[in-house]
Amino acid sequence: MTRDQKDRDAVTVEIGYAVFSAGLLAGAVWPVLASPVLLFGVAGSAAKAVVGTATALSAAALLWRVAVVLWGFDSRLRTRRAYGAGQGASRNG
């Protein structure tokens, strides 16, 4: 099945949205998880462990968000194609 220009544009916008929202999520998760180091001055190997865990979980949150957004978009795109939306039919009646 080939994609028309409207579908390609929609995919491009959805990828941009997925990456942007995932970046915001990861940017919010990291300081929350690293807060013991940032607020309480934890030092040494404990600080390295906390920061490493915060970094790993932030990266996991980023990848999870991108996957969820794009999988949801794929199912919406398939549903739209199955019902023929965008095939010249008017939505207003």
Protein backbone atom coordinates (compact mmCIF):
# COMPACT_ATOMS: atom_id res chain seq x y z
CA MET A 1 0.00 0.00 0.00
CA THR A 2 1.49 3.32 -1.01
CA ARG A 3 1.24 6.50 0.99
CA ASP A 4 0.04 9.73 -0.51
CA GLN A 5 1.57 13.11 0.34
CA LYS A 6 -1.01 13.79 3.05
CA ASP A 7 -0.05 10.58 4.86
CA ARG A 8 3.68 11.34 4.56
CA ASP A 9 3.13 14.82 5.96
CA ALA A 10 1.07 13.41 8.83
CA VAL A 11 3.82 10.90 9.64
CA THR A 12 6.44 13.68 9.66
CA VAL A 13 4.38 15.82 12.02
CA GLU A 14 3.67 12.85 14.29
CA ILE A 15 7.36 11.94 14.51
CA GLY A 16 8.18 15.52 15.43
CA TYR A 17 5.46 15.53 18.10
CA ALA A 18 6.63 12.17 19.47
CA VAL A 19 10.26 13.29 19.78
CA PHE A 20 9.35 16.70 21.24
CA SER A 21 6.94 15.34 23.85
CA ALA A 22 9.38 12.53 24.72
CA GLY A 23 12.13 15.08 25.25
CA LEU A 24 9.90 17.07 27.58
CA LEU A 25 9.05 13.92 29.52
CA ALA A 26 12.69 12.86 29.84
CA GLY A 27 13.61 16.40 30.82
CA ALA A 28 11.05 16.27 33.62
CA VAL A 29 11.87 12.74 34.80
CA TRP A 30 15.63 13.26 35.20
CA PRO A 31 15.53 16.07 37.79
CA VAL A 32 12.86 14.27 39.80
CA LEU A 33 14.92 11.10 39.97
CA ALA A 34 18.22 12.92 40.53
CA SER A 35 16.74 15.19 43.21
CA PRO A 36 18.49 13.43 46.12
CA VAL A 37 21.83 14.43 44.62
CA LEU A 38 20.66 17.88 43.63
CA LEU A 39 18.84 18.78 46.86
CA PHE A 40 20.59 16.84 49.62
CA GLY A 41 24.17 16.85 48.40
CA VAL A 42 24.58 13.09 48.20
CA ALA A 43 28.18 12.43 47.20
CA GLY A 44 30.48 9.63 46.13
CA SER A 45 29.37 6.35 44.66
CA ALA A 46 25.79 6.87 45.85
CA ALA A 47 25.58 10.05 43.77
CA LYS A 48 26.96 8.24 40.73
CA ALA A 49 24.41 5.46 41.19
CA VAL A 50 21.50 7.87 41.57
CA VAL A 51 22.52 10.00 38.59
CA GLY A 52 23.18 6.89 36.46
CA THR A 53 19.79 5.45 37.37
CA ALA A 54 18.09 8.78 36.65
CA THR A 55 19.79 8.96 33.26
CA ALA A 56 18.88 5.39 32.34
CA LEU A 57 15.25 5.78 33.41
CA SER A 58 14.95 9.12 31.61
CA ALA A 59 16.22 7.49 28.42
CA ALA A 60 13.76 4.64 28.92
CA ALA A 61 10.92 7.15 29.40
CA LEU A 62 11.97 8.93 26.19
CA LEU A 63 11.94 5.71 24.17
CA TRP A 64 8.67 4.58 25.74
CA ARG A 65 6.95 7.87 24.87
CA VAL A 66 8.13 7.80 21.26
CA ALA A 67 6.94 4.20 20.88
CA VAL A 68 3.53 4.85 22.44
CA VAL A 69 2.86 7.93 20.31
CA LEU A 70 3.94 6.31 17.05
CA TRP A 71 2.12 3.02 17.68
CA GLY A 72 -1.04 4.96 18.48
CA PHE A 73 -0.64 7.00 15.32
CA ASP A 74 -0.17 3.85 13.23
CA SER A 75 -3.42 2.38 14.52
CA ARG A 76 -5.29 5.65 13.88
CA LEU A 77 -3.85 5.82 10.36
CA ARG A 78 -4.91 2.23 9.63
CA THR A 79 -8.40 2.89 10.95
CA ARG A 80 -8.72 6.01 8.81
CA ARG A 81 -7.61 4.08 5.73
CA ALA A 82 -9.96 1.18 6.49
CA TYR A 83 -12.97 3.47 6.63
CA GLY A 84 -11.89 5.51 3.62
CA ALA A 85 -11.52 8.84 5.39
CA GLY A 86 -9.82 11.40 3.27
CA GLN A 87 -10.92 9.80 0.01
CA GLY A 88 -12.78 12.87 -1.09
CA ALA A 89 -15.76 12.42 1.20
CA SER A 90 -16.84 15.46 3.17
CA ARG A 91 -16.86 15.22 6.96
CA ASN A 92 -19.57 17.85 7.24
CA GLY A 93 -22.18 15.90 5.45
